[in-house]
């Protein structure tokens, strides 16, 4: 029985979902959302905070500040509350409302940047705000997840060894690319592994992490509007770019099978399934990382009006929309009234048996690629 005194001391890191029955290709999805911060960002957050403490950067009167689209902000909020620090998260309008409320519930302050760059990115504005903040008061300590080597070291020391223990014959590892901390930590570890492991980075269309034109990205978690300072492409064997519509379809396919994951997971699963469909994978061992769960995305990725407003009516397939509306049917007409049965001898009414009047719920299981 685990007994802890600090919330960051617990992290379930050995849970995998086999997606073969859902998508037709064997892929083991490593679930990183089962901790009190709800995401893989807990690992990087605690590594960066403890490194800053060892280096004497963090002091009792320090105020932690960080730019985050959501998950790292929640992790730092939790750690700051546990350790007695104050924390200010600088985010933007793409941050899910649930995520903002979680940070505030943990005692943190959240500053939402309204301005954005010409390419539609908020990141530059967030970073400019943080730089000005730190220049104004020495108490502000910016951990800078985009440049902090402790970001990737957390995954070199923890995430990759966890995978290696469970899959000593691993062939391919799919990792979503944001700051590239997870990607670089795992890639560096498996470069030293006893057998070759193919590292496939999964990015969002519209991200410039690996080159290409910047474009609109509405689902937080993956992709960057600048080249990630931590990225070293020599450790990456292949890059897959996924459209946000395909991200959404993968999320909904998983949910229809009872697994509610976040947007980043949908991107990684969509990219991995496309790759597996194009390659000979008999006897192939493939693992992908699921950074978080889906509760924080209920008002975005899983909300019909939000989806249709941004991506159009066809973002969710027609047959899926039909299955979603199975319960929205007119009420059946009330049965015609009939005279009450005559009392039986002795004044007792006869026993009446009623059948099941409810409609039958159709259960449909979808298979195949999202």
Protein backbone atom coordinates (compact mmCIF):
# COMPACT_ATOMS: atom_id res chain seq x y z
CA UNK A 1 0.00 0.00 0.00
CA UNK A 2 1.65 3.27 -1.09
CA UNK A 3 1.73 5.94 1.62
CA UNK A 4 3.00 9.40 0.63
CA UNK A 5 3.39 12.79 2.29
CA UNK A 6 4.00 14.91 -0.83
CA UNK A 7 1.71 14.78 -3.90
CA UNK A 8 4.60 14.46 -6.35
CA UNK A 9 5.79 11.25 -4.68
CA UNK A 10 3.11 9.21 -6.47
CA UNK A 11 3.13 8.38 -10.17
CA UNK A 12 1.76 5.22 -11.77
CA UNK A 13 4.30 4.59 -14.50
CA UNK A 14 3.70 0.97 -15.51
CA UNK A 15 0.24 1.11 -17.07
CA UNK A 16 -0.10 0.38 -20.80
CA UNK A 17 -3.13 0.05 -23.07
CA UNK A 18 -2.92 -2.40 -25.99
CA UNK A 19 -4.63 -0.66 -28.92
CA UNK A 20 -4.60 -3.65 -31.30
CA UNK A 21 -8.27 -4.52 -30.81
CA UNK A 22 -9.34 -0.90 -31.46
CA UNK A 23 -7.20 0.07 -34.44
CA UNK A 24 -6.04 -3.19 -35.96
CA UNK A 25 -2.33 -2.62 -35.29
CA UNK A 26 -0.38 -3.56 -32.18
CA UNK A 27 0.61 -0.47 -30.23
CA UNK A 28 1.22 -0.24 -26.51
CA UNK A 29 0.16 3.13 -25.15
CA UNK A 30 2.05 4.19 -22.02
CA UNK A 31 -0.39 6.11 -19.81
CA UNK A 32 1.29 9.01 -18.05
CA UNK A 33 -1.80 10.70 -16.60
CA UNK A 34 -2.12 8.77 -13.35
CA UNK A 35 -0.56 11.11 -10.82
CA UNK A 36 -1.86 14.08 -8.83
CA UNK A 37 -0.83 16.51 -11.58
CA UNK A 38 -2.58 14.41 -14.21
CA UNK A 39 0.16 14.36 -16.83
CA UNK A 40 3.70 13.45 -17.83
CA UNK A 41 4.73 17.04 -17.08
CA UNK A 42 5.02 16.15 -13.40
CA UNK A 43 8.37 14.46 -14.13
CA UNK A 44 9.91 17.51 -15.80
CA UNK A 45 8.40 19.88 -13.22
CA UNK A 46 9.87 18.15 -10.18
CA UNK A 47 13.25 17.69 -11.90
CA UNK A 48 13.45 21.41 -12.79
CA UNK A 49 12.33 22.59 -9.35
CA UNK A 50 14.72 20.33 -7.46
CA UNK A 51 17.61 21.33 -9.74
CA UNK A 52 16.86 24.99 -9.03
CA UNK A 53 16.82 24.24 -5.32
CA UNK A 54 20.17 22.42 -5.48
CA UNK A 55 21.69 25.30 -7.42
CA UNK A 56 20.46 27.85 -4.89
CA UNK A 57 18.29 29.62 -7.45
CA UNK A 58 15.07 29.01 -5.53
CA UNK A 59 14.88 30.71 -2.15
CA UNK A 60 12.08 30.94 0.44
CA UNK A 61 10.87 34.28 -0.96
CA UNK A 62 11.08 33.20 -4.62
CA UNK A 63 8.09 33.36 -6.94
CA UNK A 64 8.11 30.64 -9.57
CA UNK A 65 7.00 31.74 -13.04
CA UNK A 66 6.59 29.69 -16.19
CA UNK A 67 5.01 29.77 -19.62
CA UNK A 68 2.67 26.83 -20.13
CA UNK A 69 -0.29 25.85 -22.27
CA UNK A 70 -1.63 23.86 -19.35
CA UNK A 71 -0.15 20.62 -18.03
CA UNK A 72 3.19 21.94 -16.82
CA UNK A 73 1.32 24.78 -15.13
CA UNK A 74 -0.79 22.31 -13.17
CA UNK A 75 2.27 20.27 -12.18
CA UNK A 76 4.15 23.35 -10.98
CA UNK A 77 1.05 24.58 -9.14
CA UNK A 78 0.88 21.32 -7.25
CA UNK A 79 4.60 21.30 -6.43
CA UNK A 80 4.59 24.96 -5.40
CA UNK A 81 1.64 24.36 -3.07
CA UNK A 82 3.39 21.36 -1.53
CA UNK A 83 6.74 23.12 -1.09
CA UNK A 84 5.39 26.51 -0.02
CA UNK A 85 6.34 28.56 -3.10
CA UNK A 86 4.18 31.04 -4.94
CA UNK A 87 3.63 30.33 -8.63
CA UNK A 88 2.46 32.44 -11.57
CA UNK A 89 1.59 30.66 -14.82
CA UNK A 90 1.65 32.70 -18.03
CA UNK A 91 -0.63 31.12 -20.61
CA UNK A 92 -2.93 32.12 -23.47
CA UNK A 93 -6.51 31.68 -24.63
CA UNK A 94 -5.94 28.13 -25.89
CA UNK A 95 -5.45 26.89 -22.33
CA UNK A 96 -8.49 24.86 -21.33
CA UNK A 97 -10.75 26.48 -18.75
CA UNK A 98 -10.62 23.39 -16.55
CA UNK A 99 -6.83 23.61 -16.48
CA UNK A 100 -6.88 27.27 -15.44
CA UNK A 101 -9.36 26.53 -12.68
CA UNK A 102 -7.17 23.68 -11.42
CA UNK A 103 -4.14 25.96 -11.15
CA UNK A 104 -6.14 28.57 -9.28
CA UNK A 105 -7.61 25.92 -6.96
CA UNK A 106 -4.04 24.95 -6.05
CA UNK A 107 -3.30 28.55 -5.05
CA UNK A 108 -1.48 29.72 -8.18
CA UNK A 109 -2.10 32.84 -10.21
CA UNK A 110 -2.80 32.61 -13.94
CA UNK A 111 -2.04 35.41 -16.39
CA UNK A 112 -3.65 34.98 -19.82
CA UNK A 113 -1.81 36.68 -22.68
CA UNK A 114 -4.19 38.28 -25.18
CA UNK A 115 -1.73 39.45 -27.86
CA UNK A 116 -0.15 37.18 -30.43
CA UNK A 117 2.46 37.27 -33.15
CA UNK A 118 1.80 37.78 -36.87
CA UNK A 119 1.88 34.01 -37.43
CA UNK A 120 -0.91 33.53 -34.87
CA UNK A 121 1.43 32.28 -32.14
CA UNK A 122 1.13 33.33 -28.52
CA UNK A 123 4.48 31.90 -27.44
CA UNK A 124 6.58 34.96 -28.27
CA UNK A 125 4.20 37.20 -26.33
CA UNK A 126 4.28 34.86 -23.36
CA UNK A 127 8.08 34.81 -23.31
CA UNK A 128 8.34 38.60 -23.66
CA UNK A 129 6.03 39.00 -20.67
CA UNK A 130 8.14 36.63 -18.58
CA UNK A 131 11.38 38.38 -19.45
CA UNK A 132 9.95 41.74 -18.45
CA UNK A 133 8.61 40.25 -15.24
CA UNK A 134 11.95 38.75 -14.23
CA UNK A 135 13.76 41.99 -15.04
CA UNK A 136 11.40 43.90 -12.74
CA UNK A 137 11.98 41.87 -9.56
CA UNK A 138 14.74 39.47 -8.50
CA UNK A 139 12.25 37.26 -6.66
CA UNK A 140 10.82 35.91 -9.92
CA UNK A 141 12.44 32.62 -10.96
CA UNK A 142 11.68 31.42 -14.48
CA UNK A 143 12.44 27.72 -14.90
CA UNK A 144 12.17 27.99 -18.73
CA UNK A 145 10.98 24.56 -19.81
CA UNK A 146 12.01 25.43 -23.38
CA UNK A 147 15.73 25.65 -22.57
CA UNK A 148 16.14 23.85 -19.23
CA UNK A 149 18.19 20.62 -19.60
CA UNK A 150 16.42 19.20 -16.56
CA UNK A 151 13.37 18.93 -18.81
CA UNK A 152 14.91 16.20 -20.96
CA UNK A 153 16.96 14.70 -18.12
CA UNK A 154 13.74 13.80 -16.30
CA UNK A 155 12.79 11.48 -19.14
CA UNK A 156 16.31 10.15 -19.66
CA UNK A 157 16.34 9.12 -15.99
CA UNK A 158 12.73 7.98 -15.59
CA UNK A 159 10.43 7.65 -18.62
CA UNK A 160 12.80 5.81 -20.98
CA UNK A 161 14.08 3.32 -18.36
CA UNK A 162 10.46 2.58 -17.42
CA UNK A 163 9.74 1.62 -21.04
CA UNK A 164 12.97 -0.35 -21.38
CA UNK A 165 12.15 -2.48 -18.33
CA UNK A 166 8.77 -3.50 -19.74
CA UNK A 167 9.80 -3.83 -23.42
CA UNK A 168 13.38 -5.09 -23.70
CA UNK A 169 12.73 -5.95 -27.38
CA UNK A 170 11.31 -2.53 -28.29
CA UNK A 171 11.48 -1.72 -32.01
CA UNK A 172 9.77 1.67 -32.43
CA UNK A 173 8.90 4.46 -30.00
CA UNK A 174 6.41 7.21 -30.94
CA UNK A 175 6.71 10.46 -28.97
CA UNK A 176 4.83 13.71 -29.38
CA UNK A 177 7.00 16.80 -29.86
CA UNK A 178 6.32 19.96 -27.87
CA UNK A 179 9.25 21.44 -26.02
CA UNK A 180 10.90 18.12 -27.07
CA UNK A 181 11.97 17.41 -23.50
CA UNK A 182 10.31 13.98 -23.49
CA UNK A 183 11.51 13.27 -27.01
CA UNK A 184 15.13 14.19 -26.34
CA UNK A 185 15.35 12.40 -23.00
CA UNK A 186 13.97 9.15 -24.38
CA UNK A 187 15.93 9.40 -27.63
CA UNK A 188 19.21 9.92 -25.81
CA UNK A 189 18.55 6.94 -23.54
CA UNK A 190 17.68 4.56 -26.37
CA UNK A 191 20.66 5.72 -28.43
CA UNK A 192 22.71 3.98 -25.70
CA UNK A 193 20.38 0.96 -25.50
CA UNK A 194 21.56 -2.59 -26.20
CA UNK A 195 19.61 -2.79 -29.48
CA UNK A 196 18.47 -0.26 -32.11
CA UNK A 197 15.18 1.52 -31.36
CA UNK A 198 13.54 3.65 -34.04
CA UNK A 199 12.54 7.05 -32.61
CA UNK A 200 9.55 8.60 -34.40
CA UNK A 201 8.61 12.16 -33.46
CA UNK A 202 4.94 13.09 -33.91
CA UNK A 203 4.20 16.77 -34.50
CA UNK A 204 1.13 18.84 -35.34
CA UNK A 205 0.60 20.37 -38.77
CA UNK A 206 1.23 24.10 -38.35
CA UNK A 207 4.15 23.56 -35.97
CA UNK A 208 7.60 24.71 -37.10
CA UNK A 209 9.59 22.46 -34.76
CA UNK A 210 11.03 20.48 -37.66
CA UNK A 211 10.70 23.17 -40.32
CA UNK A 212 7.80 24.10 -42.54
CA UNK A 213 5.26 26.90 -42.42
CA UNK A 214 3.55 28.01 -39.23
CA UNK A 215 -0.21 27.53 -39.14
CA UNK A 216 -3.15 27.64 -36.80
CA UNK A 217 -3.02 25.19 -33.93
CA UNK A 218 -5.90 25.16 -31.47
CA UNK A 219 -5.19 22.02 -29.44
CA UNK A 220 -2.54 22.68 -26.79
CA UNK A 221 0.24 20.30 -25.85
CA UNK A 222 2.18 19.58 -29.04
CA UNK A 223 3.91 21.75 -31.61
CA UNK A 224 5.88 24.99 -31.38
CA UNK A 225 5.91 28.30 -33.22
CA UNK A 226 9.71 28.44 -32.88
CA UNK A 227 12.35 25.77 -33.24
CA UNK A 228 12.63 24.10 -29.80
CA UNK A 229 16.01 25.00 -28.24
CA UNK A 230 16.26 21.50 -26.72
CA UNK A 231 15.82 19.71 -30.05
CA UNK A 232 18.72 17.78 -31.58
CA UNK A 233 17.39 16.15 -34.74
CA UNK A 234 20.33 13.76 -34.94
CA UNK A 235 18.54 11.65 -32.31
CA UNK A 236 15.29 11.46 -34.33
CA UNK A 237 14.84 8.85 -37.06
CA UNK A 238 11.58 10.09 -38.52
CA UNK A 239 9.01 12.88 -38.15
CA UNK A 240 5.25 12.52 -38.70
CA UNK A 241 2.93 15.52 -38.91
CA UNK A 242 -0.73 15.10 -38.00
CA UNK A 243 -3.69 17.33 -38.93
CA UNK A 244 -5.79 18.44 -35.97
CA UNK A 245 -8.88 16.87 -37.54
CA UNK A 246 -7.12 13.51 -37.37
CA UNK A 247 -6.14 14.22 -33.77
CA UNK A 248 -9.80 14.76 -32.91
CA UNK A 249 -10.94 11.63 -34.73
CA UNK A 250 -8.37 9.51 -32.91
CA UNK A 251 -9.48 10.96 -29.55
CA UNK A 252 -13.10 10.16 -30.33
CA UNK A 253 -12.25 6.65 -31.52
CA UNK A 254 -10.47 5.99 -28.23
CA UNK A 255 -13.39 7.46 -26.27
CA UNK A 256 -15.87 5.21 -28.10
CA UNK A 257 -13.90 2.31 -26.67
CA UNK A 258 -13.97 3.71 -23.14
CA UNK A 259 -10.58 5.46 -23.06
CA UNK A 260 -10.77 9.23 -22.57
CA UNK A 261 -7.39 10.73 -23.48
CA UNK A 262 -6.16 14.25 -24.18
CA UNK A 263 -5.43 15.94 -27.49
CA UNK A 264 -1.72 15.11 -27.49
CA UNK A 265 -2.52 11.43 -27.19
CA UNK A 266 -4.89 11.67 -30.15
CA UNK A 267 -2.11 13.21 -32.23
CA UNK A 268 0.41 10.53 -31.28
CA UNK A 269 -2.02 7.64 -31.80
CA UNK A 270 -3.14 8.98 -35.18
CA UNK A 271 0.45 9.38 -36.35
CA UNK A 272 1.53 6.00 -35.02
CA UNK A 273 -1.37 4.13 -36.61
CA UNK A 274 -0.67 5.76 -39.96
CA UNK A 275 2.96 4.71 -39.71
CA UNK A 276 2.14 1.15 -38.67
CA UNK A 277 -0.33 0.81 -41.54
CA UNK A 278 2.43 1.62 -44.03
CA UNK A 279 5.10 -0.70 -42.61
CA UNK A 280 5.49 -4.41 -42.17
CA UNK A 281 4.89 -4.85 -38.45
CA UNK A 282 4.58 -8.61 -37.95
CA UNK A 283 6.39 -9.33 -34.70
CA UNK A 284 7.05 -5.60 -34.31
CA UNK A 285 7.00 -4.07 -30.81
CA UNK A 286 5.81 -0.46 -30.81
CA UNK A 287 5.16 1.86 -27.87
CA UNK A 288 3.66 5.35 -27.80
CA UNK A 289 3.37 7.88 -25.00
CA UNK A 290 0.00 9.21 -23.81
CA UNK A 291 0.88 12.42 -21.94
CA UNK A 292 -2.44 12.96 -20.13
CA UNK A 293 -6.09 12.00 -19.82
CA UNK A 294 -9.10 13.65 -21.40
CA UNK A 295 -11.10 15.33 -18.61
CA UNK A 296 -9.42 18.70 -19.24
CA UNK A 297 -10.54 18.61 -22.87
CA UNK A 298 -14.29 18.12 -22.34
CA UNK A 299 -15.04 21.71 -23.40
CA UNK A 300 -12.80 21.54 -26.48
CA UNK A 301 -11.83 18.25 -28.13
CA UNK A 302 -14.99 16.53 -26.88
CA UNK A 303 -17.40 19.46 -27.28
CA UNK A 304 -19.43 19.41 -30.51
CA UNK A 305 -20.01 23.15 -30.87
CA UNK A 306 -16.32 23.94 -30.33
CA UNK A 307 -15.29 21.32 -32.87
CA UNK A 308 -17.77 22.33 -35.55
CA UNK A 309 -17.04 26.02 -35.12
CA UNK A 310 -13.33 25.51 -35.74
CA UNK A 311 -13.15 22.50 -38.05
CA UNK A 312 -16.54 22.22 -39.73
CA UNK A 313 -19.38 19.73 -39.60
CA UNK A 314 -17.31 16.88 -41.05
CA UNK A 315 -14.71 16.77 -38.28
CA UNK A 316 -16.67 13.97 -36.66
CA UNK A 317 -17.78 11.29 -39.09
CA UNK A 318 -21.48 11.16 -39.91
CA UNK A 319 -22.02 7.65 -38.57
CA UNK A 320 -20.45 8.65 -35.27
CA UNK A 321 -22.69 11.71 -34.95
CA UNK A 322 -25.68 9.45 -35.60
CA UNK A 323 -24.61 7.06 -32.86
CA UNK A 324 -24.15 9.95 -30.44
CA UNK A 325 -27.78 10.98 -30.88
CA UNK A 326 -29.33 7.57 -30.23
CA UNK A 327 -31.02 8.79 -27.02
CA UNK A 328 -32.34 12.05 -28.45
CA UNK A 329 -35.63 10.68 -29.73
CA UNK A 330 -39.22 11.86 -29.30
CA UNK A 331 -40.92 10.33 -26.31
CA UNK A 332 -43.26 7.49 -27.29
CA UNK A 333 -46.95 8.35 -27.07
CA UNK A 334 -48.63 7.53 -23.80
CA UNK A 335 -50.78 4.39 -23.95
CA UNK A 336 -54.52 4.98 -24.22
CA UNK A 337 -56.24 4.90 -20.88
CA UNK A 338 -58.37 1.85 -20.19
CA UNK A 339 -60.93 1.11 -17.51
CA UNK A 340 -59.52 -0.13 -14.25
CA UNK A 341 -59.80 -3.88 -13.89
CA UNK A 342 -62.55 -5.11 -11.73
CA UNK A 343 -61.56 -6.12 -8.25
CA UNK A 344 -61.05 -9.80 -7.78
CA UNK A 345 -62.99 -11.64 -5.20
CA UNK A 346 -61.99 -10.48 -1.77
CA UNK A 347 -61.42 -6.90 -2.97
CA UNK A 348 -57.87 -7.42 -4.26
CA UNK A 349 -56.82 -6.27 -7.75
CA UNK A 350 -55.24 -8.90 -9.99
CA UNK A 351 -51.44 -8.78 -10.36
CA UNK A 352 -50.47 -6.99 -13.60
CA UNK A 353 -47.16 -7.72 -15.34
CA UNK A 354 -45.53 -4.91 -17.25
CA UNK A 355 -43.01 -5.44 -20.02
CA UNK A 356 -39.87 -3.45 -20.80
CA UNK A 357 -41.03 -0.42 -22.77
CA UNK A 358 -37.59 1.13 -23.17
CA UNK A 359 -35.88 1.18 -26.54
CA UNK A 360 -32.92 -1.08 -27.10
CA UNK A 361 -29.59 0.69 -27.03
CA UNK A 362 -27.46 -0.12 -30.03
CA UNK A 363 -23.87 -0.98 -29.27
CA UNK A 364 -21.47 -0.49 -32.14
CA UNK A 365 -17.76 -1.03 -31.98
CA UNK A 366 -15.62 0.75 -34.54
CA UNK A 367 -12.37 -0.63 -35.77
CA UNK A 368 -9.78 0.54 -38.20
CA UNK A 369 -7.65 3.66 -38.48
CA UNK A 370 -9.05 6.95 -37.14
